[in-house]
Amino acid sequence: METKRTLGRTVIGVSALGFGCWAIGGEWQSADGQPLGWGRVDDEESVRAVRRALDLGVTFFDTADTYGAGHSERVLGRALGKRRADVVVATKWGNVFDEETRTLTGADDTPEYARRALTASLRRLDTDHIDLYQLHLSDADPARAAELRDLCEEFVREGLIRAYAWSTDDPARAAVFARGEHCAAVQHMANVLQDAPEMFALCEELGLASINRSPLAMGLLTGGRRSGQALEAGDIRSRPPEWLQGFEDGGADPRWLARVDALKDVLTSGGRTLGQGALAWLWARSPHAVPIPGFRSVAQAEQNAGALEKGALTGEQLAEVDRILER
């Protein structure tokens, strides 16, 4: 498997595997106290993990201004340091938050806010440009999104960003952004348990990179979750919001764990770990796929990056997965 990808219709090269930086933002919450992070983190370990990923050939890092209410961007900026030029950095805007209290306070889809958010992200990341700037409001009004797409073209002309994308699971919305010359990708949910055929087809048709969030189904596909296993209080999965499938109050949904167990043999073929097999499924699913698993430790960084050398599943294994899941 080719371990490099070109980001959509740009000349921006990335590793076929990116790293998602939601978890390294640490704890943050909604205005009503719902946890929105993955629990406590050790910033020094996060920095070491980012640098280890770089050493292992990972050159694409995806964060958002709201992860940890700005904290993820700060940690990533510090970790990259002098190696900023070696990587492609993606971040997102659209959510409003209070850095002091680490609280999500709302959303803002105005062009004025987009410029303020970009300026703030550049400062936190300690960089003069963002490689891929992504709208983080998945269900934003398409007419307003067209306005924001045109604003992103302005940001490109000003040298503040190189390309842009929309983080959404709606192909029709993704197509709105794709009309812009410098739209490079769509970020969407996809994993072996939650296929996204319409979105993969759209990326194929329009030449967009398919950036896959939740490629490990929020940890279910790492094999580390068991039924009834409690999660720490600051972890979003301990009180899952409506959109978070596969978890229920009290831990992982046993029905989802049963599906993971059924896939174990095919995903762990070729000496892969379960998580590496889940990433291999995405590469087999689409040549445009760039999965972005999360990480909080050097060990997780090493395990995820290890998927690159093992490559994609075969067509036969892809068919076997569909048979097992009765798709």
C-alpha atoms as a PDB file:
ATOM      1  CA  MET A   1       0.000   0.000   0.000  1.00  0.00           C
ATOM      2  CA  GLU A   2       1.178   3.521  -0.789  1.00  0.00           C
ATOM      3  CA  THR A   3       1.735   5.152   2.619  1.00  0.00           C
ATOM      4  CA  LYS A   4       1.289   8.687   1.258  1.00  0.00           C
ATOM      5  CA  ARG A   5      -1.836  10.503   0.127  1.00  0.00           C
ATOM      6  CA  THR A   6      -2.410  13.776  -1.689  1.00  0.00           C
ATOM      7  CA  LEU A   7      -4.992  15.880   0.109  1.00  0.00           C
ATOM      8  CA  GLY A   8      -7.800  15.954  -2.413  1.00  0.00           C
ATOM      9  CA  ARG A   9      -7.261  18.295  -5.366  1.00  0.00           C
ATOM     10  CA  THR A  10      -4.267  20.048  -3.803  1.00  0.00           C
ATOM     11  CA  VAL A  11      -0.532  19.380  -3.969  1.00  0.00           C
ATOM     12  CA  ILE A  12      -0.452  18.884  -0.192  1.00  0.00           C
ATOM     13  CA  GLY A  13       1.050  15.493   0.661  1.00  0.00           C
ATOM     14  CA  VAL A  14       0.126  13.680   3.893  1.00  0.00           C
ATOM     15  CA  SER A  15       0.759  10.274   5.416  1.00  0.00           C
ATOM     16  CA  ALA A  16      -2.084   7.813   4.736  1.00  0.00           C
ATOM     17  CA  LEU A  17      -2.639   7.862   8.506  1.00  0.00           C
ATOM     18  CA  GLY A  18      -3.305  11.054  10.424  1.00  0.00           C
ATOM     19  CA  PHE A  19      -3.573  11.515  14.176  1.00  0.00           C
ATOM     20  CA  GLY A  20      -6.653  13.045  15.792  1.00  0.00           C
ATOM     21  CA  CYS A  21      -5.891  15.437  18.662  1.00  0.00           C
ATOM     22  CA  TRP A  22      -9.260  15.554  20.448  1.00  0.00           C
ATOM     23  CA  ALA A  23      -8.134  13.425  23.415  1.00  0.00           C
ATOM     24  CA  ILE A  24      -4.925  15.386  24.093  1.00  0.00           C
ATOM     25  CA  GLY A  25      -7.044  18.477  24.728  1.00  0.00           C
ATOM     26  CA  GLY A  26      -7.884  16.993  28.129  1.00  0.00           C
ATOM     27  CA  GLU A  27     -11.073  17.632  30.030  1.00  0.00           C
ATOM     28  CA  TRP A  28     -13.693  20.170  28.937  1.00  0.00           C
ATOM     29  CA  GLN A  29     -17.475  20.318  29.149  1.00  0.00           C
ATOM     30  CA  SER A  30     -20.733  21.694  27.819  1.00  0.00           C
ATOM     31  CA  ALA A  31     -22.545  24.505  29.645  1.00  0.00           C
ATOM     32  CA  ASP A  32     -24.701  21.908  31.461  1.00  0.00           C
ATOM     33  CA  GLY A  33     -21.693  19.886  32.659  1.00  0.00           C
ATOM     34  CA  GLN A  34     -21.681  17.122  30.033  1.00  0.00           C
ATOM     35  CA  PRO A  35     -18.054  15.932  29.641  1.00  0.00           C
ATOM     36  CA  LEU A  36     -16.753  16.595  26.125  1.00  0.00           C
ATOM     37  CA  GLY A  37     -13.186  15.333  26.457  1.00  0.00           C
ATOM     38  CA  TRP A  38     -11.667  11.908  27.029  1.00  0.00           C
ATOM     39  CA  GLY A  39     -10.681  12.460  30.641  1.00  0.00           C
ATOM     40  CA  ARG A  40      -7.437  13.607  32.196  1.00  0.00           C
ATOM     41  CA  VAL A  41      -4.239  13.763  30.184  1.00  0.00           C
ATOM     42  CA  ASP A  42      -0.543  14.283  30.840  1.00  0.00           C
ATOM     43  CA  ASP A  43       0.602  17.095  28.538  1.00  0.00           C
ATOM     44  CA  GLU A  44       4.229  15.972  28.608  1.00  0.00           C
ATOM     45  CA  GLU A  45       3.206  12.479  27.480  1.00  0.00           C
ATOM     46  CA  SER A  46       1.050  14.046  24.734  1.00  0.00           C
ATOM     47  CA  VAL A  47       4.065  16.028  23.486  1.00  0.00           C
ATOM     48  CA  ARG A  48       6.231  12.893  23.494  1.00  0.00           C
ATOM     49  CA  ALA A  49       3.503  10.976  21.627  1.00  0.00           C
ATOM     50  CA  VAL A  50       3.206  13.630  18.885  1.00  0.00           C
ATOM     51  CA  ARG A  51       6.978  13.632  18.400  1.00  0.00           C
ATOM     52  CA  ARG A  52       7.103   9.822  18.346  1.00  0.00           C
ATOM     53  CA  ALA A  53       4.366   9.780  15.690  1.00  0.00           C
ATOM     54  CA  LEU A  54       6.459  12.174  13.592  1.00  0.00           C
ATOM     55  CA  ASP A  55       9.480   9.882  13.907  1.00  0.00           C
ATOM     56  CA  LEU A  56       7.297   6.988  12.710  1.00  0.00           C
ATOM     57  CA  GLY A  57       6.206   8.802   9.543  1.00  0.00           C
ATOM     58  CA  VAL A  58       2.898  10.371  10.568  1.00  0.00           C
ATOM     59  CA  THR A  59       2.774  13.853   9.021  1.00  0.00           C
ATOM     60  CA  PHE A  60      -0.917  14.816   9.393  1.00  0.00           C
ATOM     61  CA  PHE A  61      -2.413  16.076  12.667  1.00  0.00           C
ATOM     62  CA  ASP A  62      -6.064  17.022  13.050  1.00  0.00           C
ATOM     63  CA  THR A  63      -7.298  19.157  15.928  1.00  0.00           C
ATOM     64  CA  ALA A  64     -10.028  21.746  16.606  1.00  0.00           C
ATOM     65  CA  ASP A  65     -10.042  25.039  18.460  1.00  0.00           C
ATOM     66  CA  THR A  66     -12.690  23.725  20.852  1.00  0.00           C
ATOM     67  CA  TYR A  67     -10.843  20.523  21.923  1.00  0.00           C
ATOM     68  CA  GLY A  68      -9.989  21.201  25.555  1.00  0.00           C
ATOM     69  CA  ALA A  69     -11.187  24.772  24.899  1.00  0.00           C
ATOM     70  CA  GLY A  70      -7.980  25.681  23.049  1.00  0.00           C
ATOM     71  CA  HIS A  71      -5.714  23.319  24.960  1.00  0.00           C
ATOM     72  CA  SER A  72      -5.252  20.719  22.200  1.00  0.00           C
ATOM     73  CA  GLU A  73      -4.026  23.393  19.763  1.00  0.00           C
ATOM     74  CA  ARG A  74      -1.550  24.724  22.348  1.00  0.00           C
ATOM     75  CA  VAL A  75      -0.161  21.249  23.116  1.00  0.00           C
ATOM     76  CA  LEU A  76       0.116  20.358  19.422  1.00  0.00           C
ATOM     77  CA  GLY A  77       1.852  23.656  18.617  1.00  0.00           C
ATOM     78  CA  ARG A  78       4.368  23.071  21.407  1.00  0.00           C
ATOM     79  CA  ALA A  79       4.968  19.447  20.383  1.00  0.00           C
ATOM     80  CA  LEU A  80       5.640  20.338  16.741  1.00  0.00           C
ATOM     81  CA  GLY A  81       7.948  23.249  17.560  1.00  0.00           C
ATOM     82  CA  LYS A  82      10.714  23.510  14.972  1.00  0.00           C
ATOM     83  CA  ARG A  83       9.256  20.574  13.008  1.00  0.00           C
ATOM     84  CA  ARG A  84       6.137  22.515  12.012  1.00  0.00           C
ATOM     85  CA  ALA A  85       7.317  22.636   8.375  1.00  0.00           C
ATOM     86  CA  ASP A  86       7.419  18.808   8.248  1.00  0.00           C
ATOM     87  CA  VAL A  87       3.707  18.358   8.950  1.00  0.00           C
ATOM     88  CA  VAL A  88       0.228  19.180   7.706  1.00  0.00           C
ATOM     89  CA  VAL A  89      -1.931  20.721  10.444  1.00  0.00           C
ATOM     90  CA  ALA A  90      -5.728  20.687  10.269  1.00  0.00           C
ATOM     91  CA  THR A  91      -7.952  22.509  12.728  1.00  0.00           C
ATOM     92  CA  LYS A  92     -11.620  23.496  12.900  1.00  0.00           C
ATOM     93  CA  TRP A  93     -13.815  26.452  13.814  1.00  0.00           C
ATOM     94  CA  GLY A  94     -17.470  27.256  14.513  1.00  0.00           C
ATOM     95  CA  ASN A  95     -17.850  26.439  18.205  1.00  0.00           C
ATOM     96  CA  VAL A  96     -17.566  29.125  20.875  1.00  0.00           C
ATOM     97  CA  PHE A  97     -15.923  28.326  24.206  1.00  0.00           C
ATOM     98  CA  ASP A  98     -14.468  29.823  27.361  1.00  0.00           C
ATOM     99  CA  GLU A  99     -10.791  28.940  27.759  1.00  0.00           C
ATOM    100  CA  GLU A 100     -10.752  29.828  31.456  1.00  0.00           C
ATOM    101  CA  THR A 101     -13.561  27.476  32.495  1.00  0.00           C
ATOM    102  CA  ARG A 102     -12.942  25.027  29.607  1.00  0.00           C
ATOM    103  CA  THR A 103     -16.607  25.231  28.682  1.00  0.00           C
ATOM    104  CA  LEU A 104     -18.359  25.049  25.316  1.00  0.00           C
ATOM    105  CA  THR A 105     -20.727  28.039  25.284  1.00  0.00           C
ATOM    106  CA  GLY A 106     -22.342  27.937  21.840  1.00  0.00           C
ATOM    107  CA  ALA A 107     -21.759  28.136  18.096  1.00  0.00           C
ATOM    108  CA  ASP A 108     -21.146  30.998  15.673  1.00  0.00           C
ATOM    109  CA  ASP A 109     -21.403  30.617  11.892  1.00  0.00           C
ATOM    110  CA  THR A 110     -20.763  34.273  11.010  1.00  0.00           C
ATOM    111  CA  PRO A 111     -17.890  35.271   8.714  1.00  0.00           C
ATOM    112  CA  GLU A 112     -16.720  37.761  11.365  1.00  0.00           C
ATOM    113  CA  TYR A 113     -16.319  34.981  13.893  1.00  0.00           C
ATOM    114  CA  ALA A 114     -14.507  32.735  11.376  1.00  0.00           C
ATOM    115  CA  ARG A 115     -11.771  35.357  10.995  1.00  0.00           C
ATOM    116  CA  ARG A 116     -11.459  35.850  14.761  1.00  0.00           C
ATOM    117  CA  ALA A 117     -11.328  32.075  15.301  1.00  0.00           C
ATOM    118  CA  LEU A 118      -8.633  31.642  12.648  1.00  0.00           C
ATOM    119  CA  THR A 119      -6.494  34.377  14.202  1.00  0.00           C
ATOM    120  CA  ALA A 120      -6.841  32.717  17.626  1.00  0.00           C
ATOM    121  CA  SER A 121      -5.974  29.243  16.259  1.00  0.00           C
ATOM    122  CA  LEU A 122      -2.849  30.575  14.532  1.00  0.00           C
ATOM    123  CA  ARG A 123      -1.749  32.067  17.845  1.00  0.00           C
ATOM    124  CA  ARG A 124      -2.403  28.919  19.890  1.00  0.00           C
ATOM    125  CA  LEU A 125      -0.709  26.673  17.318  1.00  0.00           C
ATOM    126  CA  ASP A 126       2.198  29.130  17.111  1.00  0.00           C
ATOM    127  CA  THR A 127       2.158  29.099  13.304  1.00  0.00           C
ATOM    128  CA  ASP A 128       1.609  31.559  10.454  1.00  0.00           C
ATOM    129  CA  HIS A 129      -0.765  29.324   8.472  1.00  0.00           C
ATOM    130  CA  ILE A 130      -3.199  26.410   8.812  1.00  0.00           C
ATOM    131  CA  ASP A 131      -2.860  23.720   6.143  1.00  0.00           C
ATOM    132  CA  LEU A 132      -6.491  22.553   6.271  1.00  0.00           C
ATOM    133  CA  TYR A 133      -9.179  24.730   7.894  1.00  0.00           C
ATOM    134  CA  GLN A 134     -12.447  22.917   8.592  1.00  0.00           C
ATOM    135  CA  LEU A 135     -15.952  24.089   9.418  1.00  0.00           C
ATOM    136  CA  HIS A 136     -16.892  22.224  12.619  1.00  0.00           C
ATOM    137  CA  LEU A 137     -20.673  22.842  12.495  1.00  0.00           C
ATOM    138  CA  SER A 138     -21.883  19.627  10.869  1.00  0.00           C
ATOM    139  CA  ASP A 139     -25.441  20.827  10.253  1.00  0.00           C
ATOM    140  CA  ALA A 140     -24.781  24.489   9.378  1.00  0.00           C
ATOM    141  CA  ASP A 141     -27.154  26.129   6.912  1.00  0.00           C
ATOM    142  CA  PRO A 142     -25.908  25.368   3.353  1.00  0.00           C
ATOM    143  CA  ALA A 143     -26.424  28.984   2.181  1.00  0.00           C
ATOM    144  CA  ARG A 144     -24.329  30.281   5.080  1.00  0.00           C
ATOM    145  CA  ALA A 145     -21.779  27.547   4.414  1.00  0.00           C
ATOM    146  CA  ALA A 146     -21.406  28.788   0.826  1.00  0.00           C
ATOM    147  CA  GLU A 147     -20.586  32.226   2.260  1.00  0.00           C
ATOM    148  CA  LEU A 148     -17.994  30.663   4.585  1.00  0.00           C
ATOM    149  CA  ARG A 149     -16.532  28.651   1.687  1.00  0.00           C
ATOM    150  CA  ASP A 150     -15.992  31.909  -0.219  1.00  0.00           C
ATOM    151  CA  LEU A 151     -14.410  33.425   2.891  1.00  0.00           C
ATOM    152  CA  CYS A 152     -12.038  30.432   3.055  1.00  0.00           C
ATOM    153  CA  GLU A 153     -10.982  31.260  -0.512  1.00  0.00           C
ATOM    154  CA  GLU A 154     -10.101  34.733   0.800  1.00  0.00           C
ATOM    155  CA  PHE A 155      -8.066  33.154   3.607  1.00  0.00           C
ATOM    156  CA  VAL A 156      -6.183  31.119   0.961  1.00  0.00           C
ATOM    157  CA  ARG A 157      -5.430  34.278  -1.052  1.00  0.00           C
ATOM    158  CA  GLU A 158      -4.167  35.951   2.126  1.00  0.00           C
ATOM    159  CA  GLY A 159      -1.834  33.008   2.836  1.00  0.00           C
ATOM    160  CA  LEU A 160      -3.519  32.225   6.168  1.00  0.00           C
ATOM    161  CA  ILE A 161      -4.685  28.740   5.083  1.00  0.00           C
ATOM    162  CA  ARG A 162      -3.718  26.393   2.244  1.00  0.00           C
ATOM    163  CA  ALA A 163      -6.998  24.498   1.836  1.00  0.00           C
ATOM    164  CA  TYR A 164     -10.312  23.926   3.608  1.00  0.00           C
ATOM    165  CA  ALA A 165     -12.988  21.304   4.301  1.00  0.00           C
ATOM    166  CA  TRP A 166     -16.261  20.718   6.125  1.00  0.00           C
ATOM    167  CA  SER A 167     -16.565  18.265   8.999  1.00  0.00           C
ATOM    168  CA  THR A 168     -20.018  16.847   8.290  1.00  0.00           C
ATOM    169  CA  ASP A 169     -21.734  13.508   7.717  1.00  0.00           C
ATOM    170  CA  ASP A 170     -24.123  14.961   5.109  1.00  0.00           C
ATOM    171  CA  PRO A 171     -22.909  14.412   1.512  1.00  0.00           C
ATOM    172  CA  ALA A 172     -25.151  17.231   0.211  1.00  0.00           C
ATOM    173  CA  ARG A 173     -23.513  19.679   2.602  1.00  0.00           C
ATOM    174  CA  ALA A 174     -20.026  18.404   1.770  1.00  0.00           C
ATOM    175  CA  ALA A 175     -20.811  19.023  -1.924  1.00  0.00           C
ATOM    176  CA  VAL A 176     -21.516  22.712  -1.157  1.00  0.00           C
ATOM    177  CA  PHE A 177     -17.967  23.218   0.128  1.00  0.00           C
ATOM    178  CA  ALA A 178     -16.560  21.071  -2.686  1.00  0.00           C
ATOM    179  CA  ARG A 179     -17.583  23.737  -5.219  1.00  0.00           C
ATOM    180  CA  GLY A 180     -14.728  25.884  -3.950  1.00  0.00           C
ATOM    181  CA  GLU A 181     -11.412  25.662  -5.796  1.00  0.00           C
ATOM    182  CA  HIS A 182      -9.335  25.043  -2.657  1.00  0.00           C
ATOM    183  CA  CYS A 183     -11.703  22.607  -0.935  1.00  0.00           C
ATOM    184  CA  ALA A 184      -9.539  19.542  -0.369  1.00  0.00           C
ATOM    185  CA  ALA A 185     -11.503  17.128   1.789  1.00  0.00           C
ATOM    186  CA  VAL A 186     -14.508  16.207   3.838  1.00  0.00           C
ATOM    187  CA  GLN A 187     -14.103  14.973   7.381  1.00  0.00           C
ATOM    188  CA  HIS A 188     -16.731  12.381   8.244  1.00  0.00           C
ATOM    189  CA  MET A 189     -17.450   9.460  10.511  1.00  0.00           C
ATOM    190  CA  ALA A 190     -16.355   6.099   9.131  1.00  0.00           C
ATOM    191  CA  ASN A 191     -15.182   2.823  10.589  1.00  0.00           C
ATOM    192  CA  VAL A 192     -15.649  -0.872   9.955  1.00  0.00           C
ATOM    193  CA  LEU A 193     -18.830  -0.863  12.086  1.00  0.00           C
ATOM    194  CA  GLN A 194     -20.207   2.366  10.559  1.00  0.00           C
ATOM    195  CA  ASP A 195     -19.638   2.450   6.818  1.00  0.00           C
ATOM    196  CA  ALA A 196     -20.298   5.687   4.896  1.00  0.00           C
ATOM    197  CA  PRO A 197     -20.930   4.585   1.292  1.00  0.00           C
ATOM    198  CA  GLU A 198     -22.442   7.881   0.106  1.00  0.00           C
ATOM    199  CA  MET A 199     -19.560   9.925   1.487  1.00  0.00           C
ATOM    200  CA  PHE A 200     -16.899   7.615   0.068  1.00  0.00           C
ATOM    201  CA  ALA A 201     -18.677   7.824  -3.312  1.00  0.00           C
ATOM    202  CA  LEU A 202     -18.730  11.628  -3.129  1.00  0.00           C
ATOM    203  CA  CYS A 203     -14.996  11.782  -2.349  1.00  0.00           C
ATOM    204  CA  GLU A 204     -14.317   9.432  -5.268  1.00  0.00           C
ATOM    205  CA  GLU A 205     -16.469  11.486  -7.646  1.00  0.00           C
ATOM    206  CA  LEU A 206     -15.131  14.923  -6.640  1.00  0.00           C
ATOM    207  CA  GLY A 207     -11.522  13.982  -5.897  1.00  0.00           C
ATOM    208  CA  LEU A 208     -11.694  14.875  -2.200  1.00  0.00           C
ATOM    209  CA  ALA A 209      -9.708  13.345   0.630  1.00  0.00           C
ATOM    210  CA  SER A 210     -11.929  11.332   2.965  1.00  0.00           C
ATOM    211  CA  ILE A 211     -10.709  12.175   6.469  1.00  0.00           C
ATOM    212  CA  ASN A 212     -12.178   9.498   8.731  1.00  0.00           C
ATOM    213  CA  ARG A 213     -13.001  10.476  12.276  1.00  0.00           C
ATOM    214  CA  SER A 214     -13.822   7.760  14.831  1.00  0.00           C
ATOM    215  CA  PRO A 215     -11.917   5.162  12.764  1.00  0.00           C
ATOM    216  CA  LEU A 216     -11.661   3.037  15.933  1.00  0.00           C
ATOM    217  CA  ALA A 217     -15.318   3.641  16.925  1.00  0.00           C
ATOM    218  CA  MET A 218     -14.364   5.713  19.989  1.00  0.00           C
ATOM    219  CA  GLY A 219     -12.109   2.914  21.248  1.00  0.00           C
ATOM    220  CA  LEU A 220     -14.431  -0.045  20.679  1.00  0.00           C
ATOM    221  CA  LEU A 221     -12.188  -1.283  17.865  1.00  0.00           C
ATOM    222  CA  THR A 222      -9.022  -1.325  19.950  1.00  0.00           C
ATOM    223  CA  GLY A 223     -10.236  -4.381  21.847  1.00  0.00           C
ATOM    224  CA  GLY A 224      -9.664  -2.645  25.174  1.00  0.00           C
ATOM    225  CA  ARG A 225     -13.351  -2.222  26.087  1.00  0.00           C
ATOM    226  CA  ARG A 226     -15.401  -4.833  27.893  1.00  0.00           C
ATOM    227  CA  SER A 227     -19.079  -4.874  28.755  1.00  0.00           C
ATOM    228  CA  GLY A 228     -19.772  -3.237  32.109  1.00  0.00           C
ATOM    229  CA  GLN A 229     -16.295  -1.687  32.302  1.00  0.00           C
ATOM    230  CA  ALA A 230     -16.654   1.758  33.894  1.00  0.00           C
ATOM    231  CA  LEU A 231     -15.222   4.927  32.330  1.00  0.00           C
ATOM    232  CA  GLU A 232     -13.784   7.852  34.278  1.00  0.00           C
ATOM    233  CA  ALA A 233     -16.172  10.720  35.027  1.00  0.00           C
ATOM    234  CA  GLY A 234     -14.484  13.262  32.710  1.00  0.00           C
ATOM    235  CA  ASP A 235     -14.757  10.947  29.673  1.00  0.00           C
ATOM    236  CA  ILE A 236     -17.494  11.801  27.129  1.00  0.00           C
ATOM    237  CA  ARG A 237     -18.205   8.069  26.774  1.00  0.00           C
ATOM    238  CA  SER A 238     -19.231   7.826  30.450  1.00  0.00           C
ATOM    239  CA  ARG A 239     -22.331   9.946  29.695  1.00  0.00           C
ATOM    240  CA  PRO A 240     -22.670   9.522  25.938  1.00  0.00           C
ATOM    241  CA  PRO A 241     -24.579  12.255  24.075  1.00  0.00           C
ATOM    242  CA  GLU A 242     -27.245  11.134  21.582  1.00  0.00           C
ATOM    243  CA  TRP A 243     -24.920  11.150  18.571  1.00  0.00           C
ATOM    244  CA  LEU A 244     -22.353   8.856  20.228  1.00  0.00           C
ATOM    245  CA  GLN A 245     -23.255   5.326  19.225  1.00  0.00           C
ATOM    246  CA  GLY A 246     -21.813   2.159  20.737  1.00  0.00           C
ATOM    247  CA  PHE A 247     -21.910   3.379  24.338  1.00  0.00           C
ATOM    248  CA  GLU A 248     -24.602   3.643  26.975  1.00  0.00           C
ATOM    249  CA  ASP A 249     -24.592   5.017  30.500  1.00  0.00           C
ATOM    250  CA  GLY A 250     -22.290   2.627  32.296  1.00  0.00           C
ATOM    251  CA  GLY A 251     -19.969   1.784  29.405  1.00  0.00           C
ATOM    252  CA  ALA A 252     -19.775   0.042  26.040  1.00  0.00           C
ATOM    253  CA  ASP A 253     -22.944  -1.332  24.434  1.00  0.00           C
ATOM    254  CA  PRO A 254     -22.700  -5.169  24.562  1.00  0.00           C
ATOM    255  CA  ARG A 255     -24.315  -5.482  21.102  1.00  0.00           C
ATOM    256  CA  TRP A 256     -21.509  -3.409  19.588  1.00  0.00           C
ATOM    257  CA  LEU A 257     -18.882  -5.430  21.449  1.00  0.00           C
ATOM    258  CA  ALA A 258     -20.394  -8.606  19.993  1.00  0.00           C
ATOM    259  CA  ARG A 259     -19.911  -7.223  16.468  1.00  0.00           C
ATOM    260  CA  VAL A 260     -16.296  -6.355  17.289  1.00  0.00           C
ATOM    261  CA  ASP A 261     -15.730  -9.921  18.546  1.00  0.00           C
ATOM    262  CA  ALA A 262     -17.211 -11.344  15.338  1.00  0.00           C
ATOM    263  CA  LEU A 263     -14.710  -9.330  13.265  1.00  0.00           C
ATOM    264  CA  LYS A 264     -11.672 -10.174  15.368  1.00  0.00           C
ATOM    265  CA  ASP A 265     -10.247 -12.956  13.176  1.00  0.00           C
ATOM    266  CA  VAL A 266     -10.360 -11.051   9.905  1.00  0.00           C
ATOM    267  CA  LEU A 267      -9.096  -7.762  11.406  1.00  0.00           C
ATOM    268  CA  THR A 268      -6.163  -9.331  13.263  1.00  0.00           C
ATOM    269  CA  SER A 269      -4.882 -11.153  10.172  1.00  0.00           C
ATOM    270  CA  GLY A 270      -1.270 -10.612   9.130  1.00  0.00           C
ATOM    271  CA  GLY A 271      -0.112 -10.016  12.698  1.00  0.00           C
ATOM    272  CA  ARG A 272      -2.182  -6.861  13.111  1.00  0.00           C
ATOM    273  CA  THR A 273      -3.673  -5.680  16.369  1.00  0.00           C
ATOM    274  CA  LEU A 274      -7.448  -5.205  16.265  1.00  0.00           C
ATOM    275  CA  GLY A 275      -7.040  -1.431  15.928  1.00  0.00           C
ATOM    276  CA  GLN A 276      -4.515  -1.811  13.096  1.00  0.00           C
ATOM    277  CA  GLY A 277      -7.007  -4.071  11.324  1.00  0.00           C
ATOM    278  CA  ALA A 278      -9.728  -1.449  11.685  1.00  0.00           C
ATOM    279  CA  LEU A 279      -7.447   1.139  10.043  1.00  0.00           C
ATOM    280  CA  ALA A 280      -6.523  -1.390   7.336  1.00  0.00           C
ATOM    281  CA  TRP A 281     -10.240  -1.810   6.560  1.00  0.00           C
ATOM    282  CA  LEU A 282     -10.561   1.943   5.855  1.00  0.00           C
ATOM    283  CA  TRP A 283      -7.582   1.919   3.478  1.00  0.00           C
ATOM    284  CA  ALA A 284      -9.114  -1.037   1.661  1.00  0.00           C
ATOM    285  CA  ARG A 285     -12.488   0.711   1.602  1.00  0.00           C
ATOM    286  CA  SER A 286     -11.240   3.775  -0.286  1.00  0.00           C
ATOM    287  CA  PRO A 287      -7.990   5.015  -1.834  1.00  0.00           C
ATOM    288  CA  HIS A 288      -9.043   8.486  -0.586  1.00  0.00           C
ATOM    289  CA  ALA A 289      -9.282   7.408   3.079  1.00  0.00           C
ATOM    290  CA  VAL A 290      -7.090   9.115   5.669  1.00  0.00           C
ATOM    291  CA  PRO A 291      -8.136   7.748   9.090  1.00  0.00           C
ATOM    292  CA  ILE A 292      -7.319   9.921  12.113  1.00  0.00           C
ATOM    293  CA  PRO A 293      -7.322   7.746  15.261  1.00  0.00           C
ATOM    294  CA  GLY A 294      -6.926   9.515  18.582  1.00  0.00           C
ATOM    295  CA  PHE A 295      -4.067   8.932  21.020  1.00  0.00           C
ATOM    296  CA  ARG A 296      -2.992   9.908  24.521  1.00  0.00           C
ATOM    297  CA  SER A 297       0.294   8.063  24.957  1.00  0.00           C
ATOM    298  CA  VAL A 298       3.493   7.074  23.186  1.00  0.00           C
ATOM    299  CA  ALA A 299       2.322   3.438  23.243  1.00  0.00           C
ATOM    300  CA  GLN A 300      -0.924   4.330  21.445  1.00  0.00           C
ATOM    301  CA  ALA A 301       1.006   6.434  18.925  1.00  0.00           C
ATOM    302  CA  GLU A 302       3.318   3.506  18.188  1.00  0.00           C
ATOM    303  CA  GLN A 303       0.475   1.032  17.836  1.00  0.00           C
ATOM    304  CA  ASN A 304      -1.549   3.257  15.490  1.00  0.00           C
ATOM    305  CA  ALA A 305       1.485   4.178  13.377  1.00  0.00           C
ATOM    306  CA  GLY A 306       2.356   0.474  13.138  1.00  0.00           C
ATOM    307  CA  ALA A 307      -0.688   0.011  10.915  1.00  0.00           C
ATOM    308  CA  LEU A 308       1.091   1.826   8.061  1.00  0.00           C
ATOM    309  CA  GLU A 309       3.660  -0.899   7.415  1.00  0.00           C
ATOM    310  CA  LYS A 310       0.988  -3.626   7.472  1.00  0.00           C
ATOM    311  CA  GLY A 311      -1.106  -1.836   4.840  1.00  0.00           C
ATOM    312  CA  ALA A 312      -4.686  -2.356   3.684  1.00  0.00           C
ATOM    313  CA  LEU A 313      -6.895  -5.431   3.929  1.00  0.00           C
ATOM    314  CA  THR A 314      -7.482  -7.382   0.712  1.00  0.00           C
ATOM    315  CA  GLY A 315     -10.659  -7.224  -1.379  1.00  0.00           C
ATOM    316  CA  GLU A 316     -11.543 -10.714  -0.113  1.00  0.00           C
ATOM    317  CA  GLN A 317     -11.218  -9.564   3.499  1.00  0.00           C
ATOM    318  CA  LEU A 318     -13.373  -6.522   2.749  1.00  0.00           C
ATOM    319  CA  ALA A 319     -16.073  -8.853   1.407  1.00  0.00           C
ATOM    320  CA  GLU A 320     -15.692 -11.105   4.444  1.00  0.00           C
ATOM    321  CA  VAL A 321     -16.350  -8.153   6.776  1.00  0.00           C
ATOM    322  CA  ASP A 322     -19.549  -7.313   4.872  1.00  0.00           C
ATOM    323  CA  ARG A 323     -20.641 -10.941   5.103  1.00  0.00           C
ATOM    324  CA  ILE A 324     -20.032 -11.081   8.875  1.00  0.00           C
ATOM    325  CA  LEU A 325     -21.911  -7.815   9.447  1.00  0.00           C
ATOM    326  CA  GLU A 326     -24.646  -8.862   6.958  1.00  0.00           C
ATOM    327  CA  ARG A 327     -24.223  -5.700   4.883  1.00  0.00           C
END
